[in-house]
Every structure is written in structure tokens, then in C-alpha cells.
Amino acid sequence: EQNTPILKFVQKGAGVSSITGEKLTEEQVTTALSFATRQLQLNNVGHFVLSVQLGNPPFYTGFVEPYGELSESVLSAMAATMDQSLQLQNIEYRDKRRSMRLGGIVLNSVIPGTFRRLRQQKVSDGAPEAQVKFPFLTNNTNFKEAIATLQAIEQAV
């Protein structure tokens, strides 16, 4: 009885991404995001999504909706700090990064309100409002285009 292992289920099948076999989890991404915001003393990060970006090599690209401004240097430091955290948490991720089969994280700042507008768009397209949630990690390779389209519309208005 005392030697019975205890299993903890962290998540369902969703929330895992594996471009090159790294099996990155949403929990690892949220841990890396928390680590980076603490290390860099950032308190102006609102919504965040990390998505797959195909390329040679493929990589993860993140979209940060800040409260206020985030400079390119801060985004770069945040990406490097998140990458460091993911390498510490996930040996497969570290191996893929070291062998250059997986590129480094690239972070982009998005216009405030982008995620709210993206949510509204999904509801307008017929998604139940209560079901529209943005994960911290997505396999959606079109996520970057969806964000770019929304920002282009916003800048044109």
C-alpha cells in the first residue's frame, strides 16, 4: 500500500506541441513565461500565446499583448529567458535547440485589444462565447496570419 505510485494528470492531449519531437507542454510554456516575467521584472504582460512557426529550422513564435510598450530589446531578453527555462524543463526541447533542429523563440508585441478582437471574431464566426479561450501554446500554424490580419485592420481604421 505505501509503495503504490501516485499519478498526477496535468492535462489532456491538447496543449502539447511537437514540431521536431520536443513534446512541449502548455504547462512548461506558462512556467517559462512566469520565469521570464519574474527575471526581467515585467508586470506589463497581458495575454500571451506561443505558436508553431514552420521554417528551416522551425521555431516557436510568441505573441505578447502588453499593458503599455515592450521594446524590442525587452522582447528579445524575454524570448531568451523563456528559451532558457524551456531547455531546463524539457530535455527533448534542449536537445533539439542544441542540435539546431529547432530555432529559438521569437516574440512579437501585439496592439492592445488584439486578443479581445480575435475572441470577438471567433464568436462572430459562430463559436460559443463561453468556449473561446486562447491557450498559452497552440499548434495552429495560421495563428500569426490571424494576428497580422487583425492588426492590419486595426491600423487601417
N, C-alpha and C. Protein backbone atom coordinates (compact mmCIF):
# COMPACT_ATOMS: atom_id res chain seq x y z
N GLU A 1 0.81 -1.21 0.00
CA GLU A 1 0.00 0.00 0.00
C GLU A 1 0.85 1.26 0.00
N GLN A 2 1.90 1.30 0.80
CA GLN A 2 2.70 2.51 0.90
C GLN A 2 3.61 2.71 -0.31
N ASN A 3 3.78 1.68 -1.13
CA ASN A 3 4.63 1.79 -2.31
C ASN A 3 3.85 2.01 -3.59
N THR A 4 2.56 2.24 -3.46
CA THR A 4 1.72 2.46 -4.63
C THR A 4 2.04 3.83 -5.24
N PRO A 5 2.39 3.84 -6.52
CA PRO A 5 2.68 5.14 -7.15
C PRO A 5 1.43 5.99 -7.27
N ILE A 6 1.62 7.29 -7.17
CA ILE A 6 0.52 8.25 -7.34
C ILE A 6 0.75 8.96 -8.65
N LEU A 7 -0.24 8.91 -9.52
CA LEU A 7 -0.16 9.56 -10.82
C LEU A 7 -0.90 10.89 -10.77
N LYS A 8 -0.32 11.87 -11.41
CA LYS A 8 -0.96 13.18 -11.49
C LYS A 8 -1.13 13.51 -12.97
N PHE A 9 -2.38 13.67 -13.41
CA PHE A 9 -2.66 14.05 -14.79
C PHE A 9 -2.66 15.57 -14.86
N VAL A 10 -1.74 16.10 -15.66
CA VAL A 10 -1.57 17.54 -15.75
C VAL A 10 -2.50 18.14 -16.80
N GLN A 11 -2.72 17.42 -17.89
CA GLN A 11 -3.56 17.94 -18.96
C GLN A 11 -4.00 16.83 -19.88
N LYS A 12 -4.95 17.14 -20.73
CA LYS A 12 -5.39 16.21 -21.76
C LYS A 12 -4.40 16.27 -22.92
N GLY A 13 -4.72 15.65 -24.04
CA GLY A 13 -3.85 15.65 -25.21
C GLY A 13 -3.62 17.02 -25.80
N ALA A 14 -4.59 17.90 -25.66
CA ALA A 14 -4.41 19.27 -26.16
C ALA A 14 -3.38 19.97 -25.28
N GLY A 15 -2.77 21.00 -25.81
CA GLY A 15 -1.80 21.74 -25.02
C GLY A 15 -0.40 21.17 -25.11
N VAL A 16 -0.16 20.32 -26.12
CA VAL A 16 1.17 19.76 -26.36
C VAL A 16 1.53 20.05 -27.81
N SER A 17 2.77 20.46 -28.02
CA SER A 17 3.25 20.71 -29.37
C SER A 17 4.57 19.99 -29.55
N SER A 18 4.74 19.42 -30.74
CA SER A 18 5.97 18.70 -31.02
C SER A 18 6.32 18.86 -32.49
N ILE A 19 7.07 19.90 -32.80
CA ILE A 19 7.46 20.15 -34.18
C ILE A 19 8.53 19.15 -34.61
N THR A 20 9.51 18.94 -33.72
CA THR A 20 10.66 18.08 -34.06
C THR A 20 10.86 16.97 -33.03
N GLY A 21 9.83 16.70 -32.22
CA GLY A 21 9.93 15.66 -31.20
C GLY A 21 10.19 16.20 -29.81
N GLU A 22 10.06 17.53 -29.63
CA GLU A 22 10.36 18.13 -28.33
C GLU A 22 9.24 17.98 -27.30
N LYS A 23 8.02 17.69 -27.74
CA LYS A 23 6.87 17.47 -26.84
C LYS A 23 6.74 18.57 -25.78
N LEU A 24 6.64 19.79 -26.25
CA LEU A 24 6.49 20.95 -25.39
C LEU A 24 5.06 21.00 -24.86
N THR A 25 4.90 21.29 -23.57
CA THR A 25 3.56 21.35 -22.99
C THR A 25 3.19 22.79 -22.62
N GLU A 26 1.91 23.01 -22.54
CA GLU A 26 1.41 24.33 -22.16
C GLU A 26 1.89 24.69 -20.75
N GLU A 27 1.95 23.70 -19.87
CA GLU A 27 2.44 23.95 -18.51
C GLU A 27 3.89 24.43 -18.53
N GLN A 28 4.73 23.85 -19.38
CA GLN A 28 6.11 24.29 -19.50
C GLN A 28 6.18 25.73 -20.02
N VAL A 29 5.32 26.06 -20.96
CA VAL A 29 5.28 27.42 -21.51
C VAL A 29 4.86 28.42 -20.44
N THR A 30 3.84 28.10 -19.66
CA THR A 30 3.39 29.04 -18.62
C THR A 30 4.47 29.20 -17.54
N THR A 31 5.18 28.11 -17.24
CA THR A 31 6.28 28.19 -16.28
C THR A 31 7.39 29.08 -16.83
N ALA A 32 7.72 28.91 -18.12
CA ALA A 32 8.76 29.73 -18.76
C ALA A 32 8.35 31.20 -18.80
N LEU A 33 7.08 31.47 -19.10
CA LEU A 33 6.58 32.84 -19.13
C LEU A 33 6.67 33.48 -17.74
N SER A 34 6.26 32.75 -16.73
CA SER A 34 6.35 33.26 -15.35
C SER A 34 7.80 33.52 -14.95
N PHE A 35 8.69 32.59 -15.32
CA PHE A 35 10.12 32.75 -15.03
C PHE A 35 10.66 34.02 -15.69
N ALA A 36 10.34 34.21 -16.97
CA ALA A 36 10.84 35.38 -17.71
C ALA A 36 10.30 36.68 -17.13
N THR A 37 9.03 36.73 -16.80
CA THR A 37 8.46 37.97 -16.27
C THR A 37 9.04 38.29 -14.89
N ARG A 38 9.33 37.25 -14.10
CA ARG A 38 9.97 37.48 -12.80
C ARG A 38 11.42 37.94 -12.97
N GLN A 39 12.17 37.23 -13.81
CA GLN A 39 13.59 37.54 -14.01
C GLN A 39 13.78 38.96 -14.55
N LEU A 40 12.91 39.35 -15.46
CA LEU A 40 13.04 40.66 -16.11
C LEU A 40 12.20 41.74 -15.43
N GLN A 41 11.54 41.35 -14.34
CA GLN A 41 10.70 42.25 -13.56
C GLN A 41 9.67 42.96 -14.44
N LEU A 42 8.97 42.15 -15.24
CA LEU A 42 7.93 42.67 -16.12
C LEU A 42 6.58 42.49 -15.45
N ASN A 43 5.84 43.56 -15.35
CA ASN A 43 4.48 43.44 -14.80
C ASN A 43 3.46 43.97 -15.79
N ASN A 44 3.90 44.12 -17.06
CA ASN A 44 3.01 44.69 -18.06
C ASN A 44 2.67 43.71 -19.17
N VAL A 45 2.77 42.40 -18.88
CA VAL A 45 2.43 41.39 -19.89
C VAL A 45 1.00 40.93 -19.64
N GLY A 46 0.16 41.14 -20.65
CA GLY A 46 -1.23 40.69 -20.56
C GLY A 46 -1.37 39.32 -21.19
N HIS A 47 -2.08 39.24 -22.27
CA HIS A 47 -2.28 37.96 -22.97
C HIS A 47 -0.98 37.50 -23.63
N PHE A 48 -0.87 36.17 -23.76
CA PHE A 48 0.32 35.59 -24.38
C PHE A 48 -0.05 34.27 -25.04
N VAL A 49 0.42 34.07 -26.28
CA VAL A 49 0.25 32.78 -26.97
C VAL A 49 1.55 32.46 -27.69
N LEU A 50 2.00 31.21 -27.55
CA LEU A 50 3.17 30.72 -28.27
C LEU A 50 2.65 29.76 -29.34
N SER A 51 3.05 29.99 -30.60
CA SER A 51 2.55 29.15 -31.68
C SER A 51 3.69 28.61 -32.53
N VAL A 52 3.37 27.57 -33.27
CA VAL A 52 4.31 26.91 -34.17
C VAL A 52 4.56 27.79 -35.38
N GLN A 53 5.80 27.90 -35.76
CA GLN A 53 6.17 28.62 -36.98
C GLN A 53 7.04 27.68 -37.81
N LEU A 54 6.50 27.26 -38.94
CA LEU A 54 7.27 26.36 -39.80
C LEU A 54 8.37 27.13 -40.49
N GLY A 55 9.48 26.50 -40.73
CA GLY A 55 10.62 27.14 -41.38
C GLY A 55 11.79 26.17 -41.39
N ASN A 56 12.94 26.67 -41.71
CA ASN A 56 14.13 25.85 -41.74
C ASN A 56 15.22 26.52 -40.91
N PRO A 57 15.32 26.26 -39.63
CA PRO A 57 14.53 25.27 -38.89
C PRO A 57 13.20 25.87 -38.42
N PRO A 58 12.26 25.02 -38.04
CA PRO A 58 11.01 25.51 -37.45
C PRO A 58 11.31 26.11 -36.07
N PHE A 59 10.41 26.93 -35.58
CA PHE A 59 10.60 27.56 -34.27
C PHE A 59 9.24 27.92 -33.69
N TYR A 60 9.27 28.44 -32.49
CA TYR A 60 8.05 28.92 -31.86
C TYR A 60 8.07 30.45 -31.87
N THR A 61 6.93 31.01 -32.21
CA THR A 61 6.80 32.46 -32.19
C THR A 61 5.71 32.81 -31.18
N GLY A 62 5.99 33.81 -30.37
CA GLY A 62 5.05 34.20 -29.33
C GLY A 62 4.45 35.56 -29.61
N PHE A 63 3.25 35.73 -29.15
CA PHE A 63 2.53 37.00 -29.30
C PHE A 63 2.18 37.50 -27.91
N VAL A 64 2.70 38.66 -27.58
CA VAL A 64 2.54 39.25 -26.26
C VAL A 64 1.68 40.49 -26.41
N GLU A 65 0.62 40.57 -25.63
CA GLU A 65 -0.19 41.79 -25.59
C GLU A 65 0.14 42.51 -24.28
N PRO A 66 0.98 43.53 -24.37
CA PRO A 66 1.40 44.21 -23.14
C PRO A 66 0.42 45.28 -22.72
N TYR A 67 0.52 45.63 -21.46
CA TYR A 67 -0.14 46.83 -20.96
C TYR A 67 0.92 47.92 -21.14
N GLY A 68 0.81 48.69 -22.18
CA GLY A 68 1.84 49.69 -22.47
C GLY A 68 2.79 49.17 -23.54
N GLU A 69 4.04 49.58 -23.48
CA GLU A 69 5.03 49.25 -24.51
C GLU A 69 6.01 48.20 -24.02
N LEU A 70 6.47 47.38 -24.95
CA LEU A 70 7.59 46.46 -24.71
C LEU A 70 8.58 46.71 -25.84
N SER A 71 9.78 47.10 -25.50
CA SER A 71 10.79 47.38 -26.52
C SER A 71 11.29 46.08 -27.15
N GLU A 72 11.92 46.22 -28.31
CA GLU A 72 12.50 45.05 -28.99
C GLU A 72 13.53 44.37 -28.11
N SER A 73 14.32 45.16 -27.37
CA SER A 73 15.35 44.57 -26.51
C SER A 73 14.72 43.78 -25.36
N VAL A 74 13.62 44.27 -24.83
CA VAL A 74 12.92 43.53 -23.76
C VAL A 74 12.30 42.26 -24.32
N LEU A 75 11.69 42.35 -25.51
CA LEU A 75 11.12 41.15 -26.14
C LEU A 75 12.20 40.11 -26.41
N SER A 76 13.35 40.55 -26.86
CA SER A 76 14.46 39.66 -27.13
C SER A 76 14.96 38.99 -25.84
N ALA A 77 15.10 39.77 -24.78
CA ALA A 77 15.53 39.22 -23.48
C ALA A 77 14.48 38.25 -22.94
N MET A 78 13.23 38.58 -23.12
CA MET A 78 12.13 37.71 -22.67
C MET A 78 12.16 36.39 -23.42
N ALA A 79 12.37 36.44 -24.74
CA ALA A 79 12.45 35.22 -25.56
C ALA A 79 13.62 34.35 -25.11
N ALA A 80 14.78 34.97 -24.89
CA ALA A 80 15.96 34.21 -24.46
C ALA A 80 15.76 33.58 -23.09
N THR A 81 15.11 34.30 -22.19
CA THR A 81 14.87 33.79 -20.84
C THR A 81 13.85 32.65 -20.87
N MET A 82 12.82 32.79 -21.69
CA MET A 82 11.84 31.70 -21.84
C MET A 82 12.52 30.47 -22.43
N ASP A 83 13.35 30.68 -23.45
CA ASP A 83 14.07 29.58 -24.08
C ASP A 83 14.94 28.85 -23.06
N GLN A 84 15.64 29.61 -22.24
CA GLN A 84 16.49 29.03 -21.19
C GLN A 84 15.65 28.18 -20.24
N SER A 85 14.51 28.69 -19.83
CA SER A 85 13.62 27.96 -18.93
C SER A 85 13.11 26.68 -19.57
N LEU A 86 12.70 26.76 -20.84
CA LEU A 86 12.20 25.57 -21.53
C LEU A 86 13.29 24.51 -21.67
N GLN A 87 14.53 24.94 -21.91
CA GLN A 87 15.63 23.99 -22.01
C GLN A 87 15.90 23.30 -20.68
N LEU A 88 15.71 24.02 -19.59
CA LEU A 88 15.89 23.43 -18.26
C LEU A 88 14.76 22.45 -17.92
N GLN A 89 13.57 22.75 -18.39
CA GLN A 89 12.40 21.92 -18.07
C GLN A 89 12.26 20.69 -18.95
N ASN A 90 12.73 20.78 -20.20
CA ASN A 90 12.41 19.76 -21.20
C ASN A 90 13.68 19.34 -21.94
N ILE A 91 14.17 18.15 -21.63
CA ILE A 91 15.42 17.66 -22.22
C ILE A 91 15.33 17.52 -23.73
N GLU A 92 14.16 17.13 -24.23
CA GLU A 92 13.99 16.99 -25.68
C GLU A 92 14.04 18.35 -26.37
N TYR A 93 13.42 19.34 -25.76
CA TYR A 93 13.47 20.70 -26.29
C TYR A 93 14.93 21.16 -26.32
N ARG A 94 15.66 20.94 -25.21
CA ARG A 94 17.07 21.34 -25.14
C ARG A 94 17.89 20.66 -26.23
N ASP A 95 17.68 19.36 -26.42
CA ASP A 95 18.43 18.63 -27.45
C ASP A 95 18.14 19.17 -28.85
N LYS A 96 16.87 19.47 -29.13
CA LYS A 96 16.50 20.00 -30.46
C LYS A 96 17.07 21.39 -30.68
N ARG A 97 17.13 22.20 -29.62
CA ARG A 97 17.71 23.55 -29.73
C ARG A 97 19.21 23.46 -29.95
N ARG A 98 19.87 22.59 -29.18
CA ARG A 98 21.34 22.47 -29.28
C ARG A 98 21.77 21.91 -30.63
N SER A 99 20.97 21.01 -31.19
CA SER A 99 21.31 20.42 -32.49
C SER A 99 20.83 21.30 -33.65
N MET A 100 20.19 22.43 -33.32
CA MET A 100 19.69 23.41 -34.29
C MET A 100 18.59 22.84 -35.18
N ARG A 101 17.94 21.77 -34.72
CA ARG A 101 16.77 21.26 -35.45
C ARG A 101 15.54 22.10 -35.13
N LEU A 102 15.65 22.89 -34.06
CA LEU A 102 14.58 23.78 -33.63
C LEU A 102 15.20 25.15 -33.37
N GLY A 103 14.64 26.17 -34.00
CA GLY A 103 15.15 27.52 -33.82
C GLY A 103 14.71 28.13 -32.51
N GLY A 104 15.28 29.26 -32.17
CA GLY A 104 14.94 29.96 -30.93
C GLY A 104 13.59 30.64 -31.01
N ILE A 105 13.07 30.96 -29.87
CA ILE A 105 11.78 31.64 -29.75
C ILE A 105 11.90 33.07 -30.27
N VAL A 106 10.89 33.50 -31.00
CA VAL A 106 10.79 34.89 -31.46
C VAL A 106 9.50 35.45 -30.86
N LEU A 107 9.61 36.58 -30.19
CA LEU A 107 8.43 37.20 -29.59
C LEU A 107 8.05 38.47 -30.33
N ASN A 108 6.75 38.68 -30.44
CA ASN A 108 6.18 39.85 -31.10
C ASN A 108 5.21 40.52 -30.15
N SER A 109 5.26 41.83 -30.09
CA SER A 109 4.29 42.58 -29.32
C SER A 109 3.09 42.87 -30.22
N VAL A 110 1.89 42.70 -29.70
CA VAL A 110 0.69 43.00 -30.48
C VAL A 110 -0.02 44.21 -29.90
N ILE A 111 -0.82 44.84 -30.71
CA ILE A 111 -1.57 46.03 -30.32
C ILE A 111 -2.53 45.67 -29.18
N PRO A 112 -2.57 46.49 -28.12
CA PRO A 112 -3.53 46.24 -27.04
C PRO A 112 -4.95 46.08 -27.59
N GLY A 113 -5.64 45.07 -27.10
CA GLY A 113 -7.00 44.77 -27.55
C GLY A 113 -7.05 43.72 -28.64
N THR A 114 -5.90 43.27 -29.14
CA THR A 114 -5.86 42.29 -30.23
C THR A 114 -6.56 40.99 -29.84
N PHE A 115 -6.26 40.48 -28.66
CA PHE A 115 -6.86 39.21 -28.26
C PHE A 115 -8.36 39.34 -28.03
N ARG A 116 -8.79 40.49 -27.54
CA ARG A 116 -10.24 40.73 -27.37
C ARG A 116 -10.93 40.72 -28.74
N ARG A 117 -10.30 41.39 -29.72
CA ARG A 117 -10.88 41.43 -31.06
C ARG A 117 -10.85 40.04 -31.72
N LEU A 118 -9.80 39.29 -31.50
CA LEU A 118 -9.72 37.94 -32.05
C LEU A 118 -10.82 37.06 -31.45
N ARG A 119 -11.06 37.24 -30.17
CA ARG A 119 -12.13 36.50 -29.49
C ARG A 119 -13.49 36.89 -30.08
N GLN A 120 -13.72 38.18 -30.26
CA GLN A 120 -14.97 38.66 -30.85
C GLN A 120 -15.17 38.09 -32.25
N GLN A 121 -14.08 38.01 -33.01
CA GLN A 121 -14.16 37.48 -34.37
C GLN A 121 -14.58 36.01 -34.35
N LYS A 122 -14.02 35.24 -33.42
CA LYS A 122 -14.38 33.82 -33.32
C LYS A 122 -15.85 33.65 -32.94
N VAL A 123 -16.32 34.50 -32.04
CA VAL A 123 -17.74 34.45 -31.64
C VAL A 123 -18.61 34.83 -32.83
N SER A 124 -18.22 35.86 -33.57
CA SER A 124 -18.97 36.27 -34.77
C SER A 124 -19.02 35.17 -35.81
N ASP A 125 -17.95 34.37 -35.86
CA ASP A 125 -17.88 33.25 -36.81
C ASP A 125 -18.69 32.03 -36.35
N GLY A 126 -19.31 32.14 -35.15
CA GLY A 126 -20.18 31.07 -34.69
C GLY A 126 -19.69 30.27 -33.50
N ALA A 127 -18.51 30.56 -32.99
CA ALA A 127 -18.02 29.82 -31.82
C ALA A 127 -18.81 30.25 -30.59
N PRO A 128 -19.18 29.30 -29.72
CA PRO A 128 -19.87 29.67 -28.48
C PRO A 128 -18.97 30.57 -27.62
N GLU A 129 -19.51 31.68 -27.16
CA GLU A 129 -18.72 32.66 -26.43
C GLU A 129 -17.98 32.05 -25.24
N ALA A 130 -18.63 31.18 -24.50
CA ALA A 130 -18.01 30.57 -23.33
C ALA A 130 -16.87 29.62 -23.69
N GLN A 131 -16.82 29.19 -24.95
CA GLN A 131 -15.80 28.22 -25.37
C GLN A 131 -14.56 28.87 -25.98
N VAL A 132 -14.59 30.18 -26.21
CA VAL A 132 -13.45 30.83 -26.86
C VAL A 132 -12.42 31.22 -25.81
N LYS A 133 -11.36 30.43 -25.78
CA LYS A 133 -10.25 30.68 -24.87
C LYS A 133 -8.97 30.55 -25.67
N PHE A 134 -7.98 31.34 -25.32
CA PHE A 134 -6.70 31.26 -26.01
C PHE A 134 -5.71 30.51 -25.14
N PRO A 135 -5.20 29.40 -25.66
CA PRO A 135 -4.20 28.66 -24.89
C PRO A 135 -2.87 29.41 -24.91
N PHE A 136 -1.99 29.06 -24.00
CA PHE A 136 -0.65 29.64 -23.99
C PHE A 136 0.22 29.01 -25.07
N LEU A 137 -0.20 27.84 -25.57
CA LEU A 137 0.55 27.11 -26.59
C LEU A 137 -0.42 26.59 -27.63
N THR A 138 -0.16 26.85 -28.91
CA THR A 138 -1.04 26.36 -29.96
C THR A 138 -0.23 25.77 -31.11
N ASN A 139 -0.78 24.75 -31.72
CA ASN A 139 -0.18 24.14 -32.92
C ASN A 139 -0.67 24.82 -34.19
N ASN A 140 -1.54 25.80 -34.04
CA ASN A 140 -2.12 26.49 -35.18
C ASN A 140 -1.04 27.27 -35.93
N THR A 141 -0.66 26.78 -37.10
CA THR A 141 0.38 27.44 -37.89
C THR A 141 -0.14 28.71 -38.56
N ASN A 142 -1.45 28.95 -38.51
CA ASN A 142 -2.05 30.16 -39.10
C ASN A 142 -2.29 31.26 -38.07
N PHE A 143 -1.89 31.02 -36.82
CA PHE A 143 -2.15 31.99 -35.76
C PHE A 143 -1.48 33.33 -36.08
N LYS A 144 -0.26 33.28 -36.59
CA LYS A 144 0.48 34.50 -36.93
C LYS A 144 -0.28 35.32 -37.97
N GLU A 145 -0.84 34.64 -38.96
CA GLU A 145 -1.59 35.34 -40.01
C GLU A 145 -2.87 35.96 -39.45
N ALA A 146 -3.53 35.26 -38.55
CA ALA A 146 -4.76 35.79 -37.94
C ALA A 146 -4.46 37.07 -37.16
N ILE A 147 -3.37 37.05 -36.42
CA ILE A 147 -2.96 38.24 -35.65
C ILE A 147 -2.59 39.37 -36.61
N ALA A 148 -1.82 39.08 -37.64
CA ALA A 148 -1.39 40.10 -38.61
C ALA A 148 -2.59 40.74 -39.30
N THR A 149 -3.56 39.93 -39.66
CA THR A 149 -4.77 40.44 -40.32
C THR A 149 -5.52 41.40 -39.41
N LEU A 150 -5.70 41.00 -38.15
CA LEU A 150 -6.40 41.86 -37.20
C LEU A 150 -5.67 43.17 -36.99
N GLN A 151 -4.34 43.10 -36.87
CA GLN A 151 -3.57 44.33 -36.65
C GLN A 151 -3.60 45.25 -37.86
N ALA A 152 -3.60 44.66 -39.06
CA ALA A 152 -3.67 45.47 -40.28
C ALA A 152 -5.01 46.18 -40.35
N ILE A 153 -6.08 45.49 -40.00
CA ILE A 153 -7.41 46.11 -39.99
C ILE A 153 -7.46 47.24 -38.97
N GLU A 154 -6.90 46.99 -37.80
CA GLU A 154 -6.90 47.99 -36.72
C GLU A 154 -6.10 49.23 -37.12
N GLN A 155 -4.98 49.03 -37.79
CA GLN A 155 -4.15 50.17 -38.18
C GLN A 155 -4.79 50.96 -39.32
N ALA A 156 -5.63 50.30 -40.12
CA ALA A 156 -6.29 50.97 -41.25
C ALA A 156 -7.46 51.83 -40.77
N VAL A 157 -8.00 51.49 -39.61
CA VAL A 157 -9.17 52.22 -39.08
C VAL A 157 -8.79 53.53 -38.49
